Amino acid sequence: MPAAKPIAVNPFQEGAMSQILPQEPLVSSYKASWQGIHLAHYLQPSWEIPEHYISQHIISISTKIPEILEVIADGKRWQTSSEAQENLIQVYPADRAYQVRWIGNSEFIHCYLDLQCFSNTFSESVDPDRLELMLHFFRPDPVVHQIVLALKTELETSPLNNRFYAESAATFLSAHLLKHYTTRKPVFPEHTEGLSPYKLRRVIDYIQANLAEDLSLETIATEIDMSRYYFCRLFKQSMRITPYQYLIQCRIERAKLLLLQEKLSIADVALAVGFANQSNFTKHFKRLVGLTPKKFSQR
């Protein structure tokens, strides 16, 4: 009898992972408007995934390591257990065949990166045809661990209007992977002067004019003919903060003006300046202003 063909899975299609996993994710970004990145948090019983390949890169972190966890790829076998240290990650390059099995409950977060999005993050300095992500299993990496957990937290607390945050996180994650997990280490051109005054003004005007929208980092970078990575890097050199931090500051400043006018409820102000909900708005407002929106409006 001929060997069964590996199962092909595209994790960007909702429900596709049910081909190889018995239970649906606890949290996922399927309903969010993220581009080029998808995240899912799983809790699964003992299971064995047959040979399969995923059409996107997977960055996986284990939040609960089962009694035994085993991966087979490229004719090799990797194994760890519940006694393993924290912050372990796995890097599964796209379109490679894997088999995975575990004994005991397994809780993990998968972050899926679109191939085109990953390579376009650094379009000025990387030839995508020479960009090869390396296979890694059970490797400690607190940077990746922190980025993925932050994405999960953002998705849980603000399931909508967080595309800018997700694309920013995808950019930082891709940059880290490129520097530490690829076969060829690229040399990034040095830039020390930030964005040109013209490009910086275009970006600021665009953000100010669209604060209420679910802004896209990719769209803004494309507007000034840059990759996301270099846009973020040069913007920070110019403004001393990241584009995401600047966006939040602008939203809070606009919210302060609206609160003082006393024409809208706090919930309506939150929506008017681009926050998904009042809770998320209050969190950022108190962090930057030192007061809740209610106390600020009552001064």
Protein backbone atom coordinates (compact mmCIF):
# COMPACT_ATOMS: atom_id res chain seq x y z
CA MET A 1 0.00 0.00 0.00
CA PRO A 2 1.48 3.41 -0.94
CA ALA A 3 2.30 5.77 1.94
CA ALA A 4 -0.34 8.37 2.70
CA LYS A 5 0.39 11.82 1.36
CA PRO A 6 1.14 14.53 3.93
CA ILE A 7 -1.88 16.65 4.81
CA ALA A 8 -1.68 20.20 3.44
CA VAL A 9 -2.97 22.89 5.82
CA ASN A 10 -3.39 26.63 5.35
CA PRO A 11 -3.82 28.08 8.87
CA PHE A 12 -5.08 31.41 7.48
CA GLN A 13 -8.31 29.64 6.50
CA GLU A 14 -10.71 29.45 9.43
CA GLY A 15 -11.25 25.87 10.54
CA ALA A 16 -8.32 24.50 8.54
CA MET A 17 -6.39 23.37 11.63
CA SER A 18 -9.28 21.04 12.52
CA GLN A 19 -7.80 18.73 9.87
CA ILE A 20 -4.97 17.91 12.27
CA LEU A 21 -6.14 19.07 15.74
CA PRO A 22 -9.13 17.67 17.68
CA GLN A 23 -10.27 20.90 19.36
CA GLU A 24 -10.88 24.46 18.15
CA PRO A 25 -8.66 27.26 19.50
CA LEU A 26 -9.56 29.01 22.74
CA VAL A 27 -8.67 32.36 21.17
CA SER A 28 -7.85 33.22 17.58
CA SER A 29 -7.43 36.24 15.32
CA TYR A 30 -9.79 34.94 12.59
CA LYS A 31 -12.32 37.71 13.27
CA ALA A 32 -9.66 40.42 13.48
CA SER A 33 -8.51 42.33 10.41
CA TRP A 34 -4.88 41.27 10.69
CA GLN A 35 -2.86 41.02 7.49
CA GLY A 36 0.06 38.62 7.06
CA ILE A 37 -0.10 37.26 10.60
CA HIS A 38 -2.53 35.01 12.46
CA LEU A 39 -2.52 33.81 16.06
CA ALA A 40 -4.32 30.98 17.80
CA HIS A 41 -4.22 29.74 21.40
CA TYR A 42 -4.91 26.00 21.80
CA LEU A 43 -5.58 23.55 24.61
CA GLN A 44 -5.45 19.99 23.30
CA PRO A 45 -5.65 16.50 24.84
CA SER A 46 -3.12 13.75 24.10
CA TRP A 47 -2.86 13.55 20.34
CA GLU A 48 -0.79 12.47 17.37
CA ILE A 49 -0.67 14.64 14.26
CA PRO A 50 0.16 12.62 11.13
CA GLU A 51 2.66 13.84 8.60
CA HIS A 52 1.56 17.25 7.37
CA TYR A 53 2.89 20.51 6.09
CA ILE A 54 1.76 24.06 6.77
CA SER A 55 1.73 26.69 4.03
CA GLN A 56 2.97 29.45 6.39
CA HIS A 57 5.78 29.80 8.90
CA ILE A 58 4.80 28.79 12.45
CA ILE A 59 6.27 30.23 15.62
CA SER A 60 5.02 28.14 18.53
CA ILE A 61 5.37 28.62 22.28
CA SER A 62 4.21 26.11 24.88
CA THR A 63 2.32 27.56 27.81
CA LYS A 64 1.78 24.06 29.22
CA ILE A 65 4.23 21.38 28.13
CA PRO A 66 2.69 17.87 28.21
CA GLU A 67 4.29 14.85 29.81
CA ILE A 68 5.97 13.99 26.50
CA LEU A 69 6.20 16.13 23.36
CA GLU A 70 7.84 14.75 20.25
CA VAL A 71 8.44 16.20 16.79
CA ILE A 72 9.71 14.32 13.72
CA ALA A 73 11.04 16.33 10.76
CA ASP A 74 13.71 15.83 8.12
CA GLY A 75 14.24 12.28 9.34
CA LYS A 76 15.16 13.49 12.85
CA ARG A 77 13.37 13.26 16.16
CA TRP A 78 13.16 15.93 18.89
CA GLN A 79 11.63 15.33 22.29
CA THR A 80 10.97 17.26 25.49
CA SER A 81 8.86 16.79 28.61
CA SER A 82 6.90 18.71 31.23
CA GLU A 83 10.16 19.19 33.17
CA ALA A 84 11.56 21.45 30.44
CA GLN A 85 12.35 25.08 31.19
CA GLU A 86 10.01 27.94 30.33
CA ASN A 87 10.19 30.23 27.27
CA LEU A 88 10.86 27.35 24.89
CA ILE A 89 9.84 28.05 21.32
CA GLN A 90 9.61 26.09 18.09
CA VAL A 91 10.17 27.49 14.61
CA TYR A 92 8.47 25.51 11.85
CA PRO A 93 9.43 26.81 8.37
CA ALA A 94 6.63 26.70 5.84
CA ASP A 95 6.07 23.82 3.43
CA ARG A 96 8.11 21.27 5.38
CA ALA A 97 6.71 17.92 6.46
CA TYR A 98 6.25 17.30 10.21
CA GLN A 99 4.82 14.73 12.55
CA VAL A 100 3.97 15.71 16.11
CA ARG A 101 2.68 13.73 19.06
CA TRP A 102 2.22 14.40 22.75
CA ILE A 103 1.02 12.63 25.89
CA GLY A 104 -1.00 14.66 28.36
CA ASN A 105 -2.76 17.98 27.92
CA SER A 106 -0.85 20.43 25.79
CA GLU A 107 -1.43 24.19 25.80
CA PHE A 108 0.33 26.26 23.16
CA ILE A 109 0.14 29.40 21.06
CA HIS A 110 0.78 29.33 17.34
CA CYS A 111 1.76 32.49 15.52
CA TYR A 112 1.53 32.05 11.74
CA LEU A 113 3.49 34.36 9.43
CA ASP A 114 2.56 34.70 5.78
CA LEU A 115 5.56 34.02 3.50
CA GLN A 116 5.09 37.10 1.33
CA CYS A 117 4.50 39.34 4.31
CA PHE A 118 7.59 37.95 6.05
CA SER A 119 9.90 38.61 3.10
CA ASN A 120 8.35 42.02 2.29
CA THR A 121 9.08 43.23 5.81
CA PHE A 122 12.66 43.89 4.68
CA SER A 123 12.23 44.44 0.93
CA GLU A 124 15.08 46.98 0.75
CA SER A 125 17.76 44.59 1.99
CA VAL A 126 16.62 40.99 1.56
CA ASP A 127 16.34 38.83 -1.54
CA PRO A 128 13.31 36.65 -0.74
CA ASP A 129 14.64 33.88 -2.99
CA ARG A 130 17.64 33.54 -0.66
CA LEU A 131 15.70 33.85 2.56
CA GLU A 132 15.43 30.47 4.31
CA LEU A 133 14.07 30.11 7.81
CA MET A 134 15.75 27.36 9.82
CA LEU A 135 14.05 24.60 11.78
CA HIS A 136 14.34 24.96 15.58
CA PHE A 137 12.72 22.99 18.38
CA PHE A 138 12.60 23.56 22.14
CA ARG A 139 14.87 26.58 22.06
CA PRO A 140 14.72 29.24 24.82
CA ASP A 141 13.99 32.67 23.37
CA PRO A 142 12.44 35.22 25.76
CA VAL A 143 12.13 37.84 22.98
CA VAL A 144 9.88 35.68 20.80
CA HIS A 145 8.04 34.45 23.89
CA GLN A 146 7.25 38.02 24.97
CA ILE A 147 6.09 39.15 21.50
CA VAL A 148 3.73 36.20 21.07
CA LEU A 149 2.26 36.54 24.56
CA ALA A 150 1.76 40.28 24.02
CA LEU A 151 -0.12 39.54 20.79
CA LYS A 152 -2.34 37.07 22.61
CA THR A 153 -3.07 39.59 25.38
CA GLU A 154 -3.91 42.31 22.86
CA LEU A 155 -6.26 39.95 21.04
CA GLU A 156 -8.04 39.01 24.28
CA THR A 157 -8.44 42.56 25.57
CA SER A 158 -9.11 44.28 22.25
CA PRO A 159 -10.32 41.79 19.62
CA LEU A 160 -11.08 44.57 17.10
CA ASN A 161 -9.23 47.65 15.85
CA ASN A 162 -5.80 46.23 16.65
CA ARG A 163 -4.39 45.70 13.16
CA PHE A 164 -1.70 48.35 13.66
CA TYR A 165 -0.50 46.61 16.82
CA ALA A 166 -0.51 43.18 15.15
CA GLU A 167 1.45 44.41 12.12
CA SER A 168 3.95 46.16 14.39
CA ALA A 169 4.45 42.96 16.38
CA ALA A 170 4.78 40.95 13.16
CA THR A 171 7.47 43.37 11.99
CA PHE A 172 9.52 43.06 15.19
CA LEU A 173 9.05 39.28 15.24
CA SER A 174 10.11 38.95 11.59
CA ALA A 175 13.19 41.11 12.20
CA HIS A 176 14.21 38.92 15.14
CA LEU A 177 13.71 35.74 13.13
CA LEU A 178 15.68 37.12 10.21
CA LYS A 179 18.63 37.98 12.43
CA HIS A 180 18.70 34.75 14.43
CA TYR A 181 16.85 31.97 12.57
CA THR A 182 17.83 32.18 8.90
CA THR A 183 20.61 30.48 6.97
CA ARG A 184 21.99 33.81 5.71
CA LYS A 185 22.37 36.72 8.10
CA PRO A 186 21.50 39.91 6.19
CA VAL A 187 23.39 43.15 6.61
CA PHE A 188 20.96 46.01 7.17
CA PRO A 189 21.94 49.42 5.79
CA GLU A 190 22.54 51.96 8.52
CA HIS A 191 20.21 54.95 8.74
CA THR A 192 20.72 57.58 11.41
CA GLU A 193 18.80 60.62 10.20
CA GLY A 194 15.26 59.25 10.37
CA LEU A 195 12.54 60.02 7.85
CA SER A 196 12.84 63.00 5.56
CA PRO A 197 10.71 66.00 6.70
CA TYR A 198 8.40 65.46 3.72
CA LYS A 199 7.77 61.78 4.45
CA LEU A 200 7.41 62.39 8.18
CA ARG A 201 4.78 65.07 7.55
CA ARG A 202 2.87 62.75 5.19
CA VAL A 203 2.81 60.04 7.84
CA ILE A 204 1.73 62.37 10.65
CA ASP A 205 -1.01 63.94 8.52
CA TYR A 206 -2.29 60.50 7.50
CA ILE A 207 -2.43 59.25 11.09
CA GLN A 208 -4.12 62.41 12.36
CA ALA A 209 -6.72 62.25 9.60
CA ASN A 210 -7.57 58.59 10.25
CA LEU A 211 -7.43 58.18 14.03
CA ALA A 212 -10.87 56.60 14.17
CA GLU A 213 -9.97 53.93 11.60
CA ASP A 214 -8.39 50.51 12.11
CA LEU A 215 -5.11 51.79 10.68
CA SER A 216 -2.69 49.54 8.82
CA LEU A 217 1.06 49.83 9.32
CA GLU A 218 1.57 48.21 5.92
CA THR A 219 -0.57 50.85 4.20
CA ILE A 220 1.32 53.75 5.79
CA ALA A 221 4.73 52.26 4.96
CA THR A 222 3.65 51.65 1.37
CA GLU A 223 2.44 55.25 1.09
CA ILE A 224 6.02 56.46 1.54
CA ASP A 225 7.54 53.58 -0.46
CA MET A 226 9.20 51.74 2.45
CA SER A 227 9.07 48.32 4.02
CA ARG A 228 7.45 48.08 7.44
CA TYR A 229 10.78 47.39 9.12
CA TYR A 230 12.56 50.47 7.79
CA PHE A 231 9.54 52.68 8.28
CA CYS A 232 9.33 51.69 11.97
CA ARG A 233 13.06 52.11 12.42
CA LEU A 234 13.29 55.53 10.76
CA PHE A 235 10.09 56.83 12.34
CA LYS A 236 11.46 56.03 15.80
CA GLN A 237 14.70 57.85 14.95
CA SER A 238 12.66 60.91 13.98
CA MET A 239 10.07 60.86 16.77
CA ARG A 240 11.86 58.92 19.55
CA ILE A 241 8.85 56.61 19.86
CA THR A 242 7.47 53.79 17.71
CA PRO A 243 4.65 54.40 15.21
CA TYR A 244 2.27 52.44 17.44
CA GLN A 245 3.17 54.51 20.51
CA TYR A 246 2.66 57.69 18.47
CA LEU A 247 -0.74 56.48 17.27
CA ILE A 248 -1.89 55.81 20.84
CA GLN A 249 -0.63 59.22 21.99
CA CYS A 250 -2.52 60.95 19.16
CA ARG A 251 -5.71 59.09 20.01
CA ILE A 252 -5.44 60.05 23.68
CA GLU A 253 -4.81 63.73 22.84
CA ARG A 254 -7.86 63.77 20.57
CA ALA A 255 -9.88 62.03 23.28
CA LYS A 256 -8.93 64.68 25.85
CA LEU A 257 -10.38 67.39 23.61
CA LEU A 258 -13.60 65.44 23.10
CA LEU A 259 -13.99 64.72 26.81
CA LEU A 260 -13.64 68.41 27.66
CA GLN A 261 -16.42 69.26 25.19
CA GLU A 262 -18.78 67.03 27.21
CA LYS A 263 -20.87 66.17 24.15
CA LEU A 264 -20.10 62.44 23.97
CA SER A 265 -20.14 59.59 26.46
CA ILE A 266 -16.84 57.99 27.36
CA ALA A 267 -17.77 54.93 25.31
CA ASP A 268 -18.53 57.11 22.28
CA VAL A 269 -15.25 59.02 22.71
CA ALA A 270 -13.38 55.71 22.75
CA LEU A 271 -14.93 54.69 19.43
CA ALA A 272 -14.48 58.18 17.95
CA VAL A 273 -10.71 58.02 18.40
CA GLY A 274 -10.23 54.44 17.23
CA PHE A 275 -10.31 52.26 20.34
CA ALA A 276 -12.24 49.03 20.10
CA ASN A 277 -13.92 49.44 23.48
CA GLN A 278 -14.12 51.62 26.55
CA SER A 279 -11.99 49.25 28.64
CA ASN A 280 -9.03 49.40 26.26
CA PHE A 281 -9.41 53.17 25.95
CA THR A 282 -9.43 53.62 29.74
CA LYS A 283 -6.31 51.47 30.13
CA HIS A 284 -4.28 53.58 27.71
CA PHE A 285 -5.77 56.87 28.92
CA LYS A 286 -4.88 56.23 32.55
CA ARG A 287 -1.38 55.07 31.61
CA LEU A 288 -0.62 58.24 29.64
CA VAL A 289 -2.66 60.86 31.53
CA GLY A 290 -2.57 59.48 35.07
CA LEU A 291 -6.36 59.73 35.42
CA THR A 292 -9.30 57.74 34.16
CA PRO A 293 -11.34 59.40 31.39
CA LYS A 294 -14.20 59.95 33.88
CA LYS A 295 -12.01 61.73 36.41
CA PHE A 296 -10.35 63.76 33.66
CA SER A 297 -13.71 64.99 32.36
CA GLN A 298 -14.83 65.95 35.87
CA ARG A 299 -11.88 68.23 36.62
